[in-house]
Amino acid sequence: MKHYRKELHFRTDKRRDFLNITPEIRLAIKESGVQQGLCLVNAMHITASVFINDDERGLHADFEKWLETLAPEKPHNRYQHNGYEDNADAHLKRQIMGREVVVAITNGDLDFGTWEQIFYGEFDGMRDKRVLVKIIGE
């Protein structure tokens, strides 16, 4: 069985953002040489997310509005966590959107549904962050 590990690095220019990282994941699968297996993709920061959904601008705007309704950034004093950093909302948004995804690899590619793509969700950006890609299989 083969295994492959790669880190992706991100630094967004705004506090919240959604990035389609599917091309980077496909490249990692190609680099791994795995034809049949599994690909784990997970955010290595507690204020970032990895999730699967459709790459549609309106949907991303809906995510932003929905998440801000559930866990608004301000006022900062609404959260007990805030003190050293004002990012409690980012921790909550990450819990909602998820930490990782696992996708089957079939014939050397992601075995996706029709519109599925992998996204990196940033909720406390403008600093260096990492995503782990771990691939196992044959």
N, C-alpha and C. Protein backbone atom coordinates (compact mmCIF):
# COMPACT_ATOMS: atom_id res chain seq x y z
N MET A 1 0.84 -1.18 0.00
CA MET A 1 0.00 0.00 0.00
C MET A 1 0.89 1.24 0.00
N LYS A 2 0.53 2.21 -0.82
CA LYS A 2 1.25 3.48 -0.87
C LYS A 2 0.62 4.47 0.11
N HIS A 3 1.43 5.41 0.54
CA HIS A 3 0.90 6.53 1.31
C HIS A 3 1.66 7.78 0.91
N TYR A 4 0.98 8.90 0.97
CA TYR A 4 1.54 10.17 0.52
C TYR A 4 0.99 11.27 1.42
N ARG A 5 1.86 12.20 1.77
CA ARG A 5 1.46 13.33 2.62
C ARG A 5 1.93 14.63 1.97
N LYS A 6 1.04 15.61 1.96
CA LYS A 6 1.38 16.92 1.42
C LYS A 6 0.66 17.98 2.24
N GLU A 7 1.31 19.10 2.44
CA GLU A 7 0.66 20.24 3.09
C GLU A 7 0.43 21.34 2.06
N LEU A 8 -0.76 21.90 2.10
CA LEU A 8 -1.09 23.07 1.31
C LEU A 8 -1.04 24.28 2.24
N HIS A 9 -0.56 25.40 1.74
CA HIS A 9 -0.42 26.59 2.57
C HIS A 9 -1.28 27.72 1.99
N PHE A 10 -1.97 28.42 2.90
CA PHE A 10 -2.86 29.50 2.49
C PHE A 10 -2.65 30.72 3.37
N ARG A 11 -2.85 31.86 2.79
CA ARG A 11 -2.91 33.13 3.51
C ARG A 11 -3.88 34.01 2.72
N THR A 12 -5.10 34.09 3.21
CA THR A 12 -6.11 34.88 2.51
C THR A 12 -5.91 36.36 2.82
N ASP A 13 -6.41 37.19 1.92
CA ASP A 13 -6.26 38.63 2.13
C ASP A 13 -7.48 39.25 2.81
N LYS A 14 -8.41 38.40 3.22
CA LYS A 14 -9.55 38.88 4.01
C LYS A 14 -9.85 37.90 5.13
N ARG A 15 -10.65 38.32 6.07
CA ARG A 15 -10.92 37.51 7.26
C ARG A 15 -11.64 36.22 6.94
N ARG A 16 -12.64 36.28 6.05
CA ARG A 16 -13.40 35.09 5.68
C ARG A 16 -13.34 34.90 4.17
N ASP A 17 -13.16 33.63 3.78
CA ASP A 17 -13.08 33.34 2.35
C ASP A 17 -13.32 31.85 2.13
N PHE A 18 -13.76 31.53 0.91
CA PHE A 18 -13.92 30.13 0.49
C PHE A 18 -13.08 29.93 -0.76
N LEU A 19 -12.15 28.97 -0.71
CA LEU A 19 -11.26 28.70 -1.83
C LEU A 19 -11.49 27.29 -2.35
N ASN A 20 -11.67 27.16 -3.65
CA ASN A 20 -11.79 25.84 -4.27
C ASN A 20 -10.39 25.26 -4.37
N ILE A 21 -10.12 24.19 -3.62
CA ILE A 21 -8.79 23.58 -3.61
C ILE A 21 -8.78 22.24 -4.36
N THR A 22 -9.83 21.96 -5.10
CA THR A 22 -9.91 20.71 -5.85
C THR A 22 -8.71 20.51 -6.78
N PRO A 23 -8.29 21.52 -7.55
CA PRO A 23 -7.12 21.31 -8.42
C PRO A 23 -5.86 20.89 -7.65
N GLU A 24 -5.63 21.48 -6.49
CA GLU A 24 -4.46 21.13 -5.68
C GLU A 24 -4.57 19.69 -5.17
N ILE A 25 -5.79 19.26 -4.83
CA ILE A 25 -5.98 17.89 -4.35
C ILE A 25 -5.75 16.90 -5.49
N ARG A 26 -6.26 17.21 -6.67
CA ARG A 26 -6.03 16.35 -7.83
C ARG A 26 -4.54 16.24 -8.16
N LEU A 27 -3.81 17.33 -8.05
CA LEU A 27 -2.38 17.30 -8.28
C LEU A 27 -1.69 16.39 -7.25
N ALA A 28 -2.09 16.49 -6.00
CA ALA A 28 -1.50 15.63 -4.96
C ALA A 28 -1.78 14.16 -5.26
N ILE A 29 -2.97 13.83 -5.73
CA ILE A 29 -3.28 12.45 -6.08
C ILE A 29 -2.37 11.97 -7.22
N LYS A 30 -2.19 12.82 -8.20
CA LYS A 30 -1.30 12.47 -9.32
C LYS A 30 0.12 12.25 -8.81
N GLU A 31 0.60 13.14 -7.95
CA GLU A 31 1.94 13.00 -7.37
C GLU A 31 2.09 11.72 -6.56
N SER A 32 1.02 11.30 -5.91
CA SER A 32 1.07 10.11 -5.05
C SER A 32 1.19 8.81 -5.84
N GLY A 33 0.67 8.81 -7.05
CA GLY A 33 0.65 7.59 -7.85
C GLY A 33 -0.43 6.61 -7.46
N VAL A 34 -1.28 6.98 -6.50
CA VAL A 34 -2.36 6.10 -6.05
C VAL A 34 -3.48 6.09 -7.09
N GLN A 35 -3.91 4.90 -7.47
CA GLN A 35 -5.00 4.73 -8.44
C GLN A 35 -6.32 4.37 -7.76
N GLN A 36 -6.24 3.64 -6.66
CA GLN A 36 -7.43 3.21 -5.92
C GLN A 36 -7.14 3.42 -4.44
N GLY A 37 -7.95 4.21 -3.77
CA GLY A 37 -7.68 4.45 -2.36
C GLY A 37 -8.57 5.52 -1.77
N LEU A 38 -8.01 6.22 -0.78
CA LEU A 38 -8.73 7.27 -0.08
C LEU A 38 -7.85 8.50 0.06
N CYS A 39 -8.50 9.65 0.03
CA CYS A 39 -7.82 10.92 0.20
C CYS A 39 -8.47 11.67 1.36
N LEU A 40 -7.70 11.94 2.39
CA LEU A 40 -8.14 12.75 3.53
C LEU A 40 -7.61 14.16 3.32
N VAL A 41 -8.49 15.14 3.49
CA VAL A 41 -8.09 16.55 3.41
C VAL A 41 -8.61 17.22 4.67
N ASN A 42 -7.71 17.76 5.50
CA ASN A 42 -8.20 18.40 6.72
C ASN A 42 -7.46 19.69 7.04
N ALA A 43 -8.24 20.63 7.55
CA ALA A 43 -7.70 21.91 8.01
C ALA A 43 -6.91 21.66 9.28
N MET A 44 -5.73 22.25 9.34
CA MET A 44 -4.86 22.06 10.51
C MET A 44 -4.92 23.26 11.45
N HIS A 45 -6.02 23.99 11.39
CA HIS A 45 -6.21 25.17 12.24
C HIS A 45 -7.66 25.18 12.72
N ILE A 46 -7.86 25.63 13.93
CA ILE A 46 -9.19 25.56 14.55
C ILE A 46 -10.12 26.69 14.13
N THR A 47 -9.67 27.53 13.23
CA THR A 47 -10.53 28.59 12.70
C THR A 47 -10.64 28.49 11.18
N ALA A 48 -10.40 27.29 10.64
CA ALA A 48 -10.51 27.04 9.21
C ALA A 48 -11.23 25.71 9.01
N SER A 49 -11.73 25.51 7.81
CA SER A 49 -12.58 24.36 7.52
C SER A 49 -12.21 23.76 6.16
N VAL A 50 -12.55 22.49 5.98
CA VAL A 50 -12.53 21.85 4.68
C VAL A 50 -13.88 21.18 4.50
N PHE A 51 -14.51 21.40 3.36
CA PHE A 51 -15.83 20.83 3.13
C PHE A 51 -16.04 20.60 1.64
N ILE A 52 -17.07 19.84 1.30
CA ILE A 52 -17.42 19.56 -0.09
C ILE A 52 -18.76 20.21 -0.39
N ASN A 53 -18.81 20.91 -1.52
CA ASN A 53 -20.06 21.47 -1.98
C ASN A 53 -19.90 21.93 -3.42
N ASP A 54 -20.88 22.67 -3.91
CA ASP A 54 -20.91 23.18 -5.27
C ASP A 54 -20.09 24.47 -5.36
N ASP A 55 -19.39 24.68 -6.47
CA ASP A 55 -18.62 25.89 -6.68
C ASP A 55 -19.49 26.93 -7.39
N GLU A 56 -20.34 27.57 -6.61
CA GLU A 56 -21.29 28.53 -7.15
C GLU A 56 -21.27 29.78 -6.27
N ARG A 57 -20.99 30.92 -6.87
CA ARG A 57 -20.78 32.17 -6.13
C ARG A 57 -21.97 32.53 -5.23
N GLY A 58 -23.20 32.35 -5.73
CA GLY A 58 -24.37 32.66 -4.91
C GLY A 58 -24.45 31.78 -3.67
N LEU A 59 -24.10 30.51 -3.82
CA LEU A 59 -24.10 29.60 -2.67
C LEU A 59 -23.07 30.05 -1.65
N HIS A 60 -21.91 30.47 -2.10
CA HIS A 60 -20.88 30.94 -1.17
C HIS A 60 -21.34 32.19 -0.43
N ALA A 61 -22.03 33.07 -1.12
CA ALA A 61 -22.60 34.25 -0.45
C ALA A 61 -23.65 33.83 0.58
N ASP A 62 -24.43 32.81 0.24
CA ASP A 62 -25.42 32.28 1.19
C ASP A 62 -24.74 31.68 2.42
N PHE A 63 -23.63 30.94 2.21
CA PHE A 63 -22.86 30.42 3.35
C PHE A 63 -22.44 31.56 4.26
N GLU A 64 -21.89 32.61 3.67
CA GLU A 64 -21.40 33.75 4.44
C GLU A 64 -22.52 34.37 5.28
N LYS A 65 -23.67 34.61 4.66
CA LYS A 65 -24.80 35.20 5.39
C LYS A 65 -25.30 34.26 6.49
N TRP A 66 -25.42 32.99 6.16
CA TRP A 66 -25.92 32.00 7.11
C TRP A 66 -24.99 31.87 8.31
N LEU A 67 -23.69 31.75 8.04
CA LEU A 67 -22.73 31.62 9.13
C LEU A 67 -22.69 32.88 9.99
N GLU A 68 -22.79 34.04 9.36
CA GLU A 68 -22.77 35.29 10.12
C GLU A 68 -24.04 35.44 10.97
N THR A 69 -25.14 34.86 10.52
CA THR A 69 -26.37 34.85 11.32
C THR A 69 -26.21 33.94 12.54
N LEU A 70 -25.61 32.78 12.33
CA LEU A 70 -25.44 31.80 13.42
C LEU A 70 -24.37 32.22 14.42
N ALA A 71 -23.28 32.79 13.92
CA ALA A 71 -22.15 33.18 14.78
C ALA A 71 -21.58 34.50 14.30
N PRO A 72 -22.26 35.60 14.60
CA PRO A 72 -21.78 36.91 14.13
C PRO A 72 -20.42 37.29 14.72
N GLU A 73 -19.61 37.91 13.89
CA GLU A 73 -18.29 38.34 14.36
C GLU A 73 -18.40 39.37 15.48
N LYS A 74 -19.31 40.32 15.33
CA LYS A 74 -19.43 41.41 16.30
C LYS A 74 -20.83 41.46 16.89
N PRO A 75 -21.00 41.96 18.09
CA PRO A 75 -19.96 42.56 18.91
C PRO A 75 -19.05 41.50 19.53
N HIS A 76 -17.79 41.81 19.62
CA HIS A 76 -16.80 40.86 20.12
C HIS A 76 -17.06 40.46 21.56
N ASN A 77 -17.67 41.35 22.32
CA ASN A 77 -17.88 41.06 23.75
C ASN A 77 -19.03 40.09 24.00
N ARG A 78 -19.69 39.62 22.96
CA ARG A 78 -20.77 38.63 23.14
C ARG A 78 -20.21 37.25 23.47
N TYR A 79 -18.89 37.04 23.23
CA TYR A 79 -18.27 35.72 23.41
C TYR A 79 -17.31 35.72 24.59
N GLN A 80 -17.41 34.71 25.41
CA GLN A 80 -16.50 34.57 26.54
C GLN A 80 -15.07 34.26 26.10
N HIS A 81 -14.92 33.61 24.96
CA HIS A 81 -13.58 33.25 24.45
C HIS A 81 -12.76 34.48 24.09
N ASN A 82 -13.41 35.51 23.59
CA ASN A 82 -12.67 36.68 23.12
C ASN A 82 -11.97 37.38 24.26
N GLY A 83 -10.76 37.75 24.01
CA GLY A 83 -9.92 38.42 25.00
C GLY A 83 -8.59 38.72 24.33
N TYR A 84 -7.73 37.71 24.28
CA TYR A 84 -6.44 37.87 23.59
C TYR A 84 -6.67 38.07 22.10
N GLU A 85 -7.57 37.27 21.52
CA GLU A 85 -7.95 37.40 20.11
C GLU A 85 -9.46 37.54 20.03
N ASP A 86 -9.94 38.23 19.02
CA ASP A 86 -11.38 38.39 18.83
C ASP A 86 -11.85 37.47 17.71
N ASN A 87 -11.72 36.14 17.94
CA ASN A 87 -12.05 35.20 16.87
C ASN A 87 -12.96 34.05 17.31
N ALA A 88 -13.72 34.26 18.36
CA ALA A 88 -14.62 33.19 18.82
C ALA A 88 -15.59 32.78 17.73
N ASP A 89 -16.07 33.75 16.97
CA ASP A 89 -17.00 33.42 15.88
C ASP A 89 -16.36 32.48 14.87
N ALA A 90 -15.06 32.64 14.61
CA ALA A 90 -14.36 31.78 13.65
C ALA A 90 -14.31 30.34 14.13
N HIS A 91 -14.13 30.15 15.43
CA HIS A 91 -14.14 28.79 16.00
C HIS A 91 -15.51 28.14 15.81
N LEU A 92 -16.56 28.90 16.03
CA LEU A 92 -17.92 28.37 15.89
C LEU A 92 -18.24 28.07 14.43
N LYS A 93 -17.84 28.94 13.53
CA LYS A 93 -18.09 28.72 12.10
C LYS A 93 -17.38 27.46 11.62
N ARG A 94 -16.18 27.23 12.11
CA ARG A 94 -15.46 26.01 11.75
C ARG A 94 -16.22 24.77 12.21
N GLN A 95 -16.79 24.81 13.40
CA GLN A 95 -17.55 23.66 13.90
C GLN A 95 -18.72 23.35 12.97
N ILE A 96 -19.34 24.37 12.45
CA ILE A 96 -20.50 24.19 11.58
C ILE A 96 -20.08 23.63 10.22
N MET A 97 -19.02 24.16 9.64
CA MET A 97 -18.61 23.78 8.28
C MET A 97 -17.74 22.53 8.24
N GLY A 98 -17.15 22.13 9.35
CA GLY A 98 -16.42 20.87 9.41
C GLY A 98 -14.92 21.00 9.28
N ARG A 99 -14.25 19.98 9.77
CA ARG A 99 -12.79 19.95 9.83
C ARG A 99 -12.16 19.29 8.63
N GLU A 100 -12.78 18.20 8.11
CA GLU A 100 -12.13 17.43 7.07
C GLU A 100 -13.13 16.74 6.16
N VAL A 101 -12.58 16.23 5.05
CA VAL A 101 -13.35 15.39 4.15
C VAL A 101 -12.48 14.19 3.79
N VAL A 102 -13.14 13.08 3.49
CA VAL A 102 -12.48 11.90 2.96
C VAL A 102 -13.19 11.56 1.66
N VAL A 103 -12.41 11.42 0.59
CA VAL A 103 -12.98 11.15 -0.73
C VAL A 103 -12.31 9.91 -1.30
N ALA A 104 -13.10 9.05 -1.91
CA ALA A 104 -12.56 7.87 -2.58
C ALA A 104 -11.76 8.29 -3.80
N ILE A 105 -10.70 7.54 -4.06
CA ILE A 105 -9.92 7.70 -5.29
C ILE A 105 -10.19 6.47 -6.15
N THR A 106 -10.65 6.70 -7.36
CA THR A 106 -10.93 5.64 -8.31
C THR A 106 -10.25 5.99 -9.63
N ASN A 107 -9.47 5.05 -10.14
CA ASN A 107 -8.75 5.29 -11.39
C ASN A 107 -7.90 6.57 -11.35
N GLY A 108 -7.28 6.82 -10.21
CA GLY A 108 -6.35 7.94 -10.08
C GLY A 108 -6.98 9.31 -9.97
N ASP A 109 -8.28 9.38 -9.67
CA ASP A 109 -8.95 10.68 -9.56
C ASP A 109 -9.98 10.64 -8.43
N LEU A 110 -10.41 11.82 -8.00
CA LEU A 110 -11.45 11.93 -6.99
C LEU A 110 -12.74 11.33 -7.53
N ASP A 111 -13.39 10.50 -6.74
CA ASP A 111 -14.64 9.84 -7.14
C ASP A 111 -15.80 10.68 -6.60
N PHE A 112 -16.10 11.76 -7.34
CA PHE A 112 -17.06 12.77 -6.94
C PHE A 112 -18.43 12.57 -7.56
N GLY A 113 -19.43 13.18 -6.92
CA GLY A 113 -20.73 13.39 -7.53
C GLY A 113 -20.61 14.52 -8.55
N THR A 114 -21.67 14.77 -9.27
CA THR A 114 -21.64 15.69 -10.42
C THR A 114 -21.05 17.06 -10.10
N TRP A 115 -21.49 17.73 -9.06
CA TRP A 115 -21.08 19.11 -8.80
C TRP A 115 -20.11 19.24 -7.63
N GLU A 116 -19.69 18.14 -7.06
CA GLU A 116 -18.86 18.20 -5.86
C GLU A 116 -17.47 18.76 -6.13
N GLN A 117 -17.03 19.63 -5.22
CA GLN A 117 -15.70 20.22 -5.22
C GLN A 117 -15.25 20.31 -3.76
N ILE A 118 -13.96 20.37 -3.54
CA ILE A 118 -13.42 20.50 -2.18
C ILE A 118 -13.04 21.97 -1.95
N PHE A 119 -13.46 22.48 -0.80
CA PHE A 119 -13.20 23.88 -0.45
C PHE A 119 -12.45 24.01 0.86
N TYR A 120 -11.62 25.03 0.91
CA TYR A 120 -11.00 25.50 2.13
C TYR A 120 -11.82 26.70 2.59
N GLY A 121 -12.33 26.65 3.80
CA GLY A 121 -13.08 27.76 4.38
C GLY A 121 -12.23 28.47 5.41
N GLU A 122 -12.02 29.74 5.22
CA GLU A 122 -11.22 30.55 6.14
C GLU A 122 -12.16 31.47 6.92
N PHE A 123 -12.04 31.45 8.24
CA PHE A 123 -12.92 32.25 9.09
C PHE A 123 -12.16 33.23 9.98
N ASP A 124 -10.83 33.19 9.94
CA ASP A 124 -10.00 34.12 10.70
C ASP A 124 -8.69 34.31 9.93
N GLY A 125 -8.80 34.89 8.74
CA GLY A 125 -7.71 34.92 7.79
C GLY A 125 -6.66 35.98 8.03
N MET A 126 -5.91 36.23 6.96
CA MET A 126 -4.81 37.19 6.93
C MET A 126 -3.64 36.72 7.78
N ARG A 127 -3.48 35.39 7.86
CA ARG A 127 -2.32 34.78 8.50
C ARG A 127 -2.09 33.42 7.86
N ASP A 128 -0.91 32.87 8.05
CA ASP A 128 -0.55 31.61 7.43
C ASP A 128 -1.34 30.45 8.03
N LYS A 129 -1.88 29.61 7.14
CA LYS A 129 -2.64 28.42 7.56
C LYS A 129 -2.22 27.24 6.69
N ARG A 130 -2.50 26.02 7.20
CA ARG A 130 -2.13 24.80 6.48
C ARG A 130 -3.32 23.86 6.35
N VAL A 131 -3.28 23.07 5.29
CA VAL A 131 -4.23 21.99 5.08
C VAL A 131 -3.43 20.74 4.80
N LEU A 132 -3.76 19.65 5.48
CA LEU A 132 -3.09 18.37 5.28
C LEU A 132 -3.83 17.55 4.23
N VAL A 133 -3.08 16.97 3.30
CA VAL A 133 -3.62 16.03 2.33
C VAL A 133 -2.90 14.71 2.59
N LYS A 134 -3.64 13.67 2.94
CA LYS A 134 -3.08 12.35 3.20
C LYS A 134 -3.76 11.36 2.28
N ILE A 135 -2.97 10.67 1.48
CA ILE A 135 -3.50 9.76 0.48
C ILE A 135 -2.96 8.37 0.76
N ILE A 136 -3.86 7.38 0.80
CA ILE A 136 -3.43 5.99 0.98
C ILE A 136 -4.15 5.13 -0.05
N GLY A 137 -3.46 4.10 -0.51
CA GLY A 137 -4.07 3.20 -1.47
C GLY A 137 -3.03 2.49 -2.30
N GLU A 138 -3.47 2.02 -3.44
CA GLU A 138 -2.59 1.26 -4.34
C GLU A 138 -2.52 1.91 -5.70
